[in-house]
Amino acid sequence: MQGVHRAARMCAVFVNGRRLAVITTRSKLRLGTLLFAASVLVILVVSWFTSPAGMHPFFVVAAVVGAIACGLAVDAWIERNRKLALFEHRAALSDREIYERFYASTNIPAELVAELWNEIARTLQYDPARILPSDRFGIELSTKRLMDPTVENLDALAASRARRLRLNLDLATIKTVDDYIRAFGSSNV
């Protein structure tokens, strides 16, 4: 692999001067996993053809396991940095400011708004002071992973809360932070 050309929001992977793939950051495949998988394949192919007796299966398995572990570590690092950088331009709001700015006109108690707001932020691993009611779970608050345990955890929390409060909610209709707050906050009014 000769190099990776990085542009604003896309990466092009080049091998021997030929562009093989263009990957955007919105892609379901994570860049770290793809790059580690590609490098392991290159190492395996080169090692296989340059070794006189072929390659021992242990080294193949070790290379694949190592690539997967490194890819997952890079993915976690990329995701953590993405979450930190995503909302850094937003002003930090306290629980009181969030309530006064967005929910003071409702009959939802301030303590309940703060509890629900922090539950979302804690579960999805975002800074509660930087999210907004209009943030959508599948867009702004998504992790761009095929399987995301944090979203599943929030779904489980919402289902548990709905059962505990005896609410007949269609959780699929809850698309934003505001939908979540109003759906569960209105039940306690």
Protein backbone atom coordinates (compact mmCIF):
# COMPACT_ATOMS: atom_id res chain seq x y z
CA MET A 1 0.00 0.00 0.00
CA GLN A 2 1.66 3.22 -1.11
CA GLY A 3 -0.45 5.64 0.82
CA VAL A 4 -3.77 7.04 1.86
CA HIS A 5 -4.85 10.36 0.40
CA ARG A 6 -7.05 12.25 2.84
CA ALA A 7 -9.46 14.94 1.72
CA ALA A 8 -11.99 16.90 3.78
CA ARG A 9 -14.57 14.20 4.44
CA MET A 10 -13.38 11.35 2.26
CA CYS A 11 -10.43 9.03 1.95
CA ALA A 12 -9.15 7.37 -1.20
CA VAL A 13 -7.07 4.22 -0.85
CA PHE A 14 -4.29 3.87 -3.45
CA VAL A 15 -2.30 0.73 -4.31
CA ASN A 16 0.49 1.02 -6.89
CA GLY A 17 -0.87 4.38 -8.00
CA ARG A 18 -4.38 3.05 -8.70
CA ARG A 19 -7.33 4.20 -6.64
CA LEU A 20 -9.07 1.16 -5.19
CA ALA A 21 -11.75 2.68 -3.04
CA VAL A 22 -13.24 5.92 -1.85
CA ILE A 23 -14.61 5.85 1.66
CA THR A 24 -16.63 8.65 3.17
CA THR A 25 -16.82 9.16 6.92
CA ARG A 26 -20.55 8.44 6.71
CA SER A 27 -19.81 4.94 5.46
CA LYS A 28 -21.00 1.99 7.53
CA LEU A 29 -17.52 0.45 7.26
CA ARG A 30 -15.12 2.03 9.68
CA LEU A 31 -11.90 3.42 8.24
CA GLY A 32 -9.68 1.89 10.93
CA THR A 33 -11.03 -1.60 10.38
CA LEU A 34 -10.76 -1.29 6.62
CA LEU A 35 -7.17 -0.05 6.69
CA PHE A 36 -6.04 -2.75 9.13
CA ALA A 37 -7.79 -5.47 7.16
CA ALA A 38 -6.19 -4.24 3.93
CA SER A 39 -2.73 -4.10 5.50
CA VAL A 40 -3.05 -7.60 6.95
CA LEU A 41 -4.10 -8.94 3.57
CA VAL A 42 -1.11 -7.26 1.91
CA ILE A 43 1.24 -8.67 4.58
CA LEU A 44 -0.24 -12.16 4.23
CA VAL A 45 -0.02 -12.15 0.43
CA VAL A 46 3.56 -10.84 0.40
CA SER A 47 4.62 -13.27 3.14
CA TRP A 48 2.93 -16.19 1.42
CA PHE A 49 4.68 -15.62 -1.89
CA THR A 50 8.10 -14.69 -0.49
CA SER A 51 8.35 -17.57 1.98
CA PRO A 52 9.97 -20.69 0.48
CA ALA A 53 7.83 -23.21 2.35
CA GLY A 54 4.61 -21.23 2.49
CA MET A 55 3.20 -19.76 5.63
CA HIS A 56 2.42 -21.63 8.83
CA PRO A 57 -1.32 -21.46 9.67
CA PHE A 58 -0.51 -20.06 13.12
CA PHE A 59 0.89 -16.89 11.57
CA VAL A 60 -2.20 -16.48 9.39
CA VAL A 61 -4.51 -16.79 12.41
CA ALA A 62 -2.29 -14.51 14.52
CA ALA A 63 -2.23 -11.87 11.78
CA VAL A 64 -6.02 -11.95 11.37
CA VAL A 65 -6.66 -11.80 15.14
CA GLY A 66 -4.12 -8.99 15.51
CA ALA A 67 -5.71 -7.04 12.66
CA ILE A 68 -9.17 -7.38 14.17
CA ALA A 69 -7.96 -6.28 17.61
CA CYS A 70 -6.07 -3.30 16.18
CA GLY A 71 -9.01 -2.37 13.96
CA LEU A 72 -11.39 -2.40 16.92
CA ALA A 73 -8.99 -0.30 18.99
CA VAL A 74 -8.62 2.26 16.21
CA ASP A 75 -12.40 2.29 15.71
CA ALA A 76 -12.96 2.98 19.41
CA TRP A 77 -10.39 5.78 19.33
CA ILE A 78 -11.92 7.32 16.18
CA GLU A 79 -15.43 7.10 17.67
CA ARG A 80 -14.36 8.68 20.96
CA ASN A 81 -12.68 11.57 19.16
CA ARG A 82 -15.69 11.99 16.85
CA LYS A 83 -18.02 12.25 19.81
CA LEU A 84 -15.78 14.80 21.52
CA ALA A 85 -15.40 16.94 18.39
CA LEU A 86 -18.96 16.67 17.14
CA PHE A 87 -20.54 19.21 19.46
CA GLU A 88 -17.52 21.19 20.69
CA HIS A 89 -18.72 24.29 18.82
CA ARG A 90 -21.95 24.35 20.85
CA ALA A 91 -22.25 26.36 24.03
CA ALA A 92 -22.44 24.25 27.17
CA LEU A 93 -25.82 24.45 28.92
CA SER A 94 -26.54 23.57 32.53
CA ASP A 95 -29.60 21.54 33.54
CA ARG A 96 -31.30 24.74 34.67
CA GLU A 97 -30.54 26.52 31.38
CA ILE A 98 -31.83 23.55 29.38
CA TYR A 99 -35.08 23.58 31.32
CA GLU A 100 -35.59 27.34 31.12
CA ARG A 101 -34.73 27.52 27.44
CA PHE A 102 -36.67 24.52 26.14
CA TYR A 103 -39.14 23.16 28.71
CA ALA A 104 -40.25 25.96 31.03
CA SER A 105 -43.52 26.37 29.10
CA THR A 106 -44.39 22.70 29.59
CA ASN A 107 -45.78 21.13 32.74
CA ILE A 108 -42.84 18.74 32.97
CA PRO A 109 -40.94 19.13 36.26
CA ALA A 110 -37.38 20.45 35.96
CA GLU A 111 -35.99 17.49 37.94
CA LEU A 112 -37.58 15.01 35.53
CA VAL A 113 -36.24 16.88 32.49
CA ALA A 114 -32.74 16.80 33.99
CA GLU A 115 -33.08 13.08 34.83
CA LEU A 116 -34.25 12.14 31.33
CA TRP A 117 -31.71 14.43 29.63
CA ASN A 118 -28.80 12.99 31.61
CA GLU A 119 -30.08 9.44 31.06
CA ILE A 120 -29.85 9.97 27.29
CA ALA A 121 -26.42 11.59 27.47
CA ARG A 122 -25.00 8.99 29.88
CA THR A 123 -26.35 6.04 27.88
CA LEU A 124 -25.21 7.35 24.50
CA GLN A 125 -21.92 8.60 26.00
CA TYR A 126 -22.26 12.27 25.02
CA ASP A 127 -21.67 15.43 27.02
CA PRO A 128 -25.13 16.34 28.43
CA ALA A 129 -24.28 20.05 28.31
CA ARG A 130 -23.79 19.95 24.53
CA ILE A 131 -26.77 18.03 23.19
CA LEU A 132 -29.95 19.80 22.06
CA PRO A 133 -33.62 18.77 21.95
CA SER A 134 -33.50 18.67 18.15
CA ASP A 135 -30.65 16.12 18.05
CA ARG A 136 -31.87 12.97 16.32
CA PHE A 137 -30.90 9.55 17.64
CA GLY A 138 -30.22 8.13 14.18
CA ILE A 139 -28.34 11.16 12.84
CA GLU A 140 -26.55 13.53 15.23
CA LEU A 141 -26.40 11.05 18.11
CA SER A 142 -25.54 7.95 16.10
CA THR A 143 -22.19 6.23 16.17
CA LYS A 144 -22.13 5.13 12.53
CA ARG A 145 -21.68 1.51 13.53
CA LEU A 146 -23.63 -1.43 12.19
CA MET A 147 -24.40 -2.66 15.70
CA ASP A 148 -24.39 -0.05 18.42
CA PRO A 149 -24.77 -1.27 22.01
CA THR A 150 -25.38 2.26 23.34
CA VAL A 151 -28.51 2.70 21.21
CA GLU A 152 -29.70 -0.75 22.24
CA ASN A 153 -29.14 0.24 25.89
CA LEU A 154 -31.23 3.39 25.43
CA ASP A 155 -33.96 1.35 23.75
CA ALA A 156 -33.95 -1.05 26.70
CA LEU A 157 -34.07 1.85 29.19
CA ALA A 158 -36.97 3.46 27.32
CA ALA A 159 -38.89 0.17 27.15
CA SER A 160 -38.28 -0.43 30.86
CA ARG A 161 -39.41 3.09 31.75
CA ALA A 162 -42.54 2.73 29.57
CA ARG A 163 -43.44 -0.57 31.31
CA ARG A 164 -42.78 0.89 34.76
CA LEU A 165 -44.98 3.93 34.04
CA ARG A 166 -47.57 1.73 32.27
CA LEU A 167 -47.32 3.79 29.10
CA ASN A 168 -48.46 2.48 25.77
CA LEU A 169 -45.75 4.13 23.65
CA ASP A 170 -44.54 3.27 20.20
CA LEU A 171 -40.81 3.70 20.82
CA ALA A 172 -40.19 3.85 17.06
CA THR A 173 -41.84 7.29 17.01
CA ILE A 174 -39.23 8.70 19.40
CA LYS A 175 -36.69 10.20 17.00
CA THR A 176 -35.18 13.14 18.94
CA VAL A 177 -34.10 14.07 22.45
CA ASP A 178 -37.18 16.29 22.67
CA ASP A 179 -39.49 13.40 21.69
CA TYR A 180 -37.95 11.31 24.48
CA ILE A 181 -38.32 14.07 27.10
CA ARG A 182 -41.93 14.86 26.13
CA ALA A 183 -42.98 11.20 25.84
CA PHE A 184 -41.77 10.29 29.32
CA GLY A 185 -42.17 13.72 30.91
CA SER A 186 -45.82 14.12 29.99
CA SER A 187 -46.68 10.88 31.79
CA ASN A 188 -45.72 12.41 35.15
CA VAL A 189 -47.76 15.60 34.71
